[in-house]
């Protein structure tokens, strides 16, 4: 079952720090099940995260936004960094 949640993450832009508010749906994964006489078992399923909205909390100048937009894209597209932060937050 999916849940709609919000997570706030600090985000650095040069010397300034802003807060990103991330609204997402989270579906817990489940571990693999072993084989039985009637079934060969089921593989594990990882958690699913669907990001619905990302908001920038503080006001920023155009120059700061231009610097941040590339870094923000890198954060979102990078090697599951945002996914990992959300999963770690949900496991607490």
N, C-alpha and C. Protein backbone atom coordinates (compact mmCIF):
# COMPACT_ATOMS: atom_id res chain seq x y z
N UNK A 1 0.83 -1.16 0.00
CA UNK A 1 0.00 0.00 0.00
C UNK A 1 0.89 1.24 0.00
N UNK A 2 0.56 2.20 -0.81
CA UNK A 2 1.39 3.38 -0.94
C UNK A 2 0.97 4.43 0.07
N UNK A 3 1.95 5.18 0.52
CA UNK A 3 1.71 6.28 1.46
C UNK A 3 2.29 7.54 0.86
N UNK A 4 1.61 8.65 1.04
CA UNK A 4 2.12 9.93 0.58
C UNK A 4 2.84 10.60 1.74
N UNK A 5 4.10 10.97 1.54
CA UNK A 5 4.92 11.54 2.60
C UNK A 5 5.65 12.78 2.11
N UNK A 6 6.21 13.51 3.06
CA UNK A 6 7.06 14.65 2.74
C UNK A 6 8.35 14.53 3.53
N UNK A 7 9.46 14.82 2.87
CA UNK A 7 10.77 14.79 3.50
C UNK A 7 11.47 16.09 3.17
N UNK A 8 12.09 16.72 4.16
CA UNK A 8 12.85 17.94 3.92
C UNK A 8 14.33 17.61 4.01
N UNK A 9 15.06 18.03 2.97
CA UNK A 9 16.49 17.72 2.86
C UNK A 9 17.25 19.03 2.70
N UNK A 10 18.29 19.26 3.52
CA UNK A 10 19.13 20.44 3.31
C UNK A 10 19.93 20.28 2.01
N UNK A 11 20.11 21.37 1.30
CA UNK A 11 20.78 21.33 -0.01
C UNK A 11 21.70 22.55 -0.11
N UNK A 12 22.96 22.33 -0.40
CA UNK A 12 23.94 23.41 -0.47
C UNK A 12 24.03 24.00 -1.87
N UNK A 13 24.04 25.34 -1.92
CA UNK A 13 24.29 26.08 -3.16
C UNK A 13 25.47 26.98 -2.87
N UNK A 14 26.64 26.57 -3.25
CA UNK A 14 27.82 27.37 -2.92
C UNK A 14 27.92 27.50 -1.42
N UNK A 15 27.84 28.72 -0.92
CA UNK A 15 27.96 28.94 0.52
C UNK A 15 26.59 28.97 1.21
N UNK A 16 25.52 29.00 0.44
CA UNK A 16 24.17 29.06 1.02
C UNK A 16 23.59 27.65 1.15
N UNK A 17 22.72 27.47 2.14
CA UNK A 17 22.01 26.20 2.31
C UNK A 17 20.51 26.46 2.25
N UNK A 18 19.82 25.70 1.42
CA UNK A 18 18.37 25.82 1.32
C UNK A 18 17.76 24.47 1.69
N UNK A 19 16.45 24.43 1.81
CA UNK A 19 15.76 23.20 2.15
C UNK A 19 14.88 22.77 0.99
N UNK A 20 15.04 21.53 0.57
CA UNK A 20 14.16 20.96 -0.45
C UNK A 20 13.07 20.18 0.25
N UNK A 21 11.84 20.44 -0.11
CA UNK A 21 10.71 19.69 0.42
C UNK A 21 10.28 18.71 -0.68
N UNK A 22 10.39 17.42 -0.39
CA UNK A 22 10.13 16.39 -1.39
C UNK A 22 8.87 15.63 -0.99
N UNK A 23 7.89 15.67 -1.86
CA UNK A 23 6.64 14.93 -1.65
C UNK A 23 6.72 13.66 -2.48
N UNK A 24 6.47 12.52 -1.85
CA UNK A 24 6.64 11.24 -2.55
C UNK A 24 5.67 10.19 -2.02
N UNK A 25 5.48 9.16 -2.83
CA UNK A 25 4.74 7.96 -2.41
C UNK A 25 5.76 6.87 -2.15
N UNK A 26 5.52 6.07 -1.12
CA UNK A 26 6.46 5.01 -0.75
C UNK A 26 5.71 3.69 -0.59
N UNK A 27 6.22 2.66 -1.23
CA UNK A 27 5.68 1.30 -1.09
C UNK A 27 6.81 0.42 -0.58
N UNK A 28 6.60 -0.16 0.58
CA UNK A 28 7.64 -1.02 1.17
C UNK A 28 7.90 -2.26 0.32
N UNK A 29 9.14 -2.67 0.28
CA UNK A 29 9.50 -3.91 -0.39
C UNK A 29 9.29 -5.08 0.56
N UNK A 30 9.63 -6.25 0.10
CA UNK A 30 9.52 -7.41 0.99
C UNK A 30 10.63 -8.41 0.66
N UNK A 31 11.04 -9.20 1.64
CA UNK A 31 12.13 -10.15 1.43
C UNK A 31 11.69 -11.35 0.60
N UNK A 32 12.67 -12.07 0.10
CA UNK A 32 12.39 -13.28 -0.66
C UNK A 32 11.77 -14.34 0.26
N UNK A 33 10.96 -15.21 -0.31
CA UNK A 33 10.42 -16.33 0.46
C UNK A 33 11.07 -17.60 -0.07
N UNK A 34 11.30 -18.53 0.82
CA UNK A 34 11.94 -19.77 0.43
C UNK A 34 10.99 -20.72 -0.26
N UNK A 35 11.55 -21.73 -0.90
CA UNK A 35 10.70 -22.70 -1.59
C UNK A 35 9.93 -23.58 -0.61
N UNK A 36 8.81 -24.08 -1.09
CA UNK A 36 8.02 -25.04 -0.32
C UNK A 36 7.63 -26.18 -1.27
N UNK A 37 6.86 -27.13 -0.79
CA UNK A 37 6.45 -28.24 -1.65
C UNK A 37 5.57 -27.79 -2.80
N UNK A 38 4.81 -26.73 -2.58
CA UNK A 38 3.87 -26.29 -3.61
C UNK A 38 4.35 -25.09 -4.42
N UNK A 39 5.46 -24.47 -4.00
CA UNK A 39 5.91 -23.24 -4.67
C UNK A 39 7.43 -23.18 -4.64
N UNK A 40 7.99 -22.66 -5.69
CA UNK A 40 9.45 -22.55 -5.78
C UNK A 40 10.02 -21.35 -5.05
N UNK A 41 9.17 -20.58 -4.37
CA UNK A 41 9.63 -19.39 -3.66
C UNK A 41 9.38 -18.15 -4.49
N UNK A 42 9.51 -17.01 -3.87
CA UNK A 42 9.31 -15.73 -4.53
C UNK A 42 10.54 -14.86 -4.32
N UNK A 43 10.95 -14.11 -5.35
CA UNK A 43 12.11 -13.23 -5.18
C UNK A 43 11.75 -12.01 -4.33
N UNK A 44 12.78 -11.39 -3.78
CA UNK A 44 12.57 -10.17 -3.00
C UNK A 44 12.14 -9.03 -3.92
N UNK A 45 11.41 -8.10 -3.37
CA UNK A 45 11.00 -6.89 -4.10
C UNK A 45 11.55 -5.68 -3.35
N UNK A 46 12.27 -4.79 -4.03
CA UNK A 46 12.79 -3.60 -3.35
C UNK A 46 11.67 -2.59 -3.12
N UNK A 47 11.90 -1.62 -2.23
CA UNK A 47 10.90 -0.57 -2.04
C UNK A 47 10.72 0.25 -3.32
N UNK A 48 9.54 0.82 -3.49
CA UNK A 48 9.28 1.69 -4.63
C UNK A 48 9.06 3.11 -4.13
N UNK A 49 9.67 4.07 -4.81
CA UNK A 49 9.53 5.48 -4.48
C UNK A 49 9.09 6.21 -5.73
N UNK A 50 8.02 6.99 -5.60
CA UNK A 50 7.55 7.83 -6.71
C UNK A 50 7.56 9.27 -6.21
N UNK A 51 8.45 10.08 -6.79
CA UNK A 51 8.56 11.48 -6.38
C UNK A 51 7.47 12.27 -7.10
N UNK A 52 6.61 12.92 -6.32
CA UNK A 52 5.50 13.69 -6.88
C UNK A 52 5.83 15.16 -7.07
N UNK A 53 6.58 15.72 -6.12
CA UNK A 53 6.85 17.15 -6.19
C UNK A 53 8.11 17.47 -5.39
N UNK A 54 8.92 18.40 -5.91
CA UNK A 54 10.07 18.92 -5.18
C UNK A 54 9.91 20.44 -5.12
N UNK A 55 9.89 20.97 -3.91
CA UNK A 55 9.76 22.41 -3.73
C UNK A 55 11.03 22.97 -3.08
N UNK A 56 11.35 24.17 -3.47
CA UNK A 56 12.48 24.91 -2.94
C UNK A 56 11.92 25.86 -1.91
N UNK A 57 12.28 25.71 -0.64
CA UNK A 57 11.64 26.47 0.44
C UNK A 57 12.07 27.94 0.48
N UNK A 58 13.36 28.22 0.40
CA UNK A 58 13.83 29.59 0.53
C UNK A 58 13.81 30.29 -0.82
N UNK A 59 13.71 31.61 -0.77
CA UNK A 59 13.81 32.39 -2.00
C UNK A 59 15.28 32.45 -2.40
N UNK A 60 15.51 32.45 -3.69
CA UNK A 60 16.89 32.52 -4.18
C UNK A 60 16.95 33.47 -5.37
N UNK A 61 18.10 34.09 -5.55
CA UNK A 61 18.27 34.97 -6.70
C UNK A 61 18.40 34.11 -7.96
N UNK A 62 18.29 34.75 -9.12
CA UNK A 62 18.41 34.01 -10.39
C UNK A 62 19.77 33.36 -10.51
N UNK A 63 20.82 34.06 -10.05
CA UNK A 63 22.17 33.49 -10.11
C UNK A 63 22.26 32.25 -9.25
N UNK A 64 21.72 32.31 -8.04
CA UNK A 64 21.74 31.14 -7.16
C UNK A 64 20.94 30.00 -7.77
N UNK A 65 19.77 30.33 -8.35
CA UNK A 65 18.95 29.29 -8.95
C UNK A 65 19.67 28.64 -10.13
N UNK A 66 20.35 29.42 -10.96
CA UNK A 66 21.10 28.86 -12.09
C UNK A 66 22.18 27.92 -11.61
N UNK A 67 22.86 28.29 -10.52
CA UNK A 67 23.88 27.40 -9.95
C UNK A 67 23.23 26.14 -9.40
N UNK A 68 22.10 26.31 -8.74
CA UNK A 68 21.46 25.20 -8.04
C UNK A 68 20.75 24.25 -8.97
N UNK A 69 20.20 24.75 -10.07
CA UNK A 69 19.39 23.88 -10.92
C UNK A 69 20.20 22.71 -11.46
N UNK A 70 21.44 22.95 -11.86
CA UNK A 70 22.30 21.85 -12.32
C UNK A 70 22.62 20.89 -11.20
N UNK A 71 22.93 21.44 -10.02
CA UNK A 71 23.24 20.59 -8.87
C UNK A 71 22.01 19.81 -8.42
N UNK A 72 20.85 20.45 -8.50
CA UNK A 72 19.60 19.77 -8.13
C UNK A 72 19.31 18.62 -9.08
N UNK A 73 19.52 18.86 -10.38
CA UNK A 73 19.33 17.79 -11.36
C UNK A 73 20.28 16.64 -11.06
N UNK A 74 21.54 16.95 -10.74
CA UNK A 74 22.52 15.90 -10.40
C UNK A 74 22.06 15.11 -9.19
N UNK A 75 21.49 15.80 -8.18
CA UNK A 75 21.00 15.12 -6.98
C UNK A 75 19.88 14.15 -7.32
N UNK A 76 18.95 14.59 -8.17
CA UNK A 76 17.81 13.76 -8.52
C UNK A 76 18.23 12.60 -9.41
N UNK A 77 19.09 12.88 -10.38
CA UNK A 77 19.46 11.86 -11.37
C UNK A 77 20.64 11.00 -10.91
N UNK A 78 21.32 11.39 -9.85
CA UNK A 78 22.52 10.67 -9.46
C UNK A 78 22.18 9.30 -8.92
N UNK A 79 23.09 8.49 -8.93
CA UNK A 79 23.14 7.10 -8.51
C UNK A 79 22.22 6.76 -7.33
N UNK A 80 20.93 7.00 -7.46
CA UNK A 80 19.93 6.65 -6.44
C UNK A 80 20.13 7.37 -5.11
N UNK A 81 20.81 8.50 -5.11
CA UNK A 81 21.07 9.21 -3.86
C UNK A 81 19.77 9.63 -3.18
N UNK A 82 18.86 10.23 -3.92
CA UNK A 82 17.58 10.66 -3.36
C UNK A 82 16.74 9.45 -2.94
N UNK A 83 16.73 8.41 -3.77
CA UNK A 83 16.02 7.16 -3.45
C UNK A 83 16.54 6.58 -2.13
N UNK A 84 17.86 6.54 -1.98
CA UNK A 84 18.46 5.99 -0.75
C UNK A 84 18.10 6.82 0.47
N UNK A 85 18.10 8.16 0.33
CA UNK A 85 17.74 9.01 1.46
C UNK A 85 16.29 8.79 1.88
N UNK A 86 15.41 8.64 0.90
CA UNK A 86 14.00 8.40 1.22
C UNK A 86 13.82 7.04 1.90
N UNK A 87 14.46 6.00 1.36
CA UNK A 87 14.34 4.66 1.97
C UNK A 87 14.91 4.64 3.38
N UNK A 88 16.04 5.31 3.60
CA UNK A 88 16.62 5.37 4.95
C UNK A 88 15.67 6.11 5.89
N UNK A 89 15.05 7.17 5.42
CA UNK A 89 14.09 7.92 6.25
C UNK A 89 12.89 7.03 6.61
N UNK A 90 12.39 6.23 5.67
CA UNK A 90 11.23 5.38 5.91
C UNK A 90 11.55 4.21 6.84
N UNK A 91 12.79 3.75 6.84
CA UNK A 91 13.16 2.60 7.68
C UNK A 91 13.30 2.97 9.14
N UNK A 92 13.36 4.25 9.45
CA UNK A 92 13.49 4.67 10.86
C UNK A 92 12.21 4.48 11.60
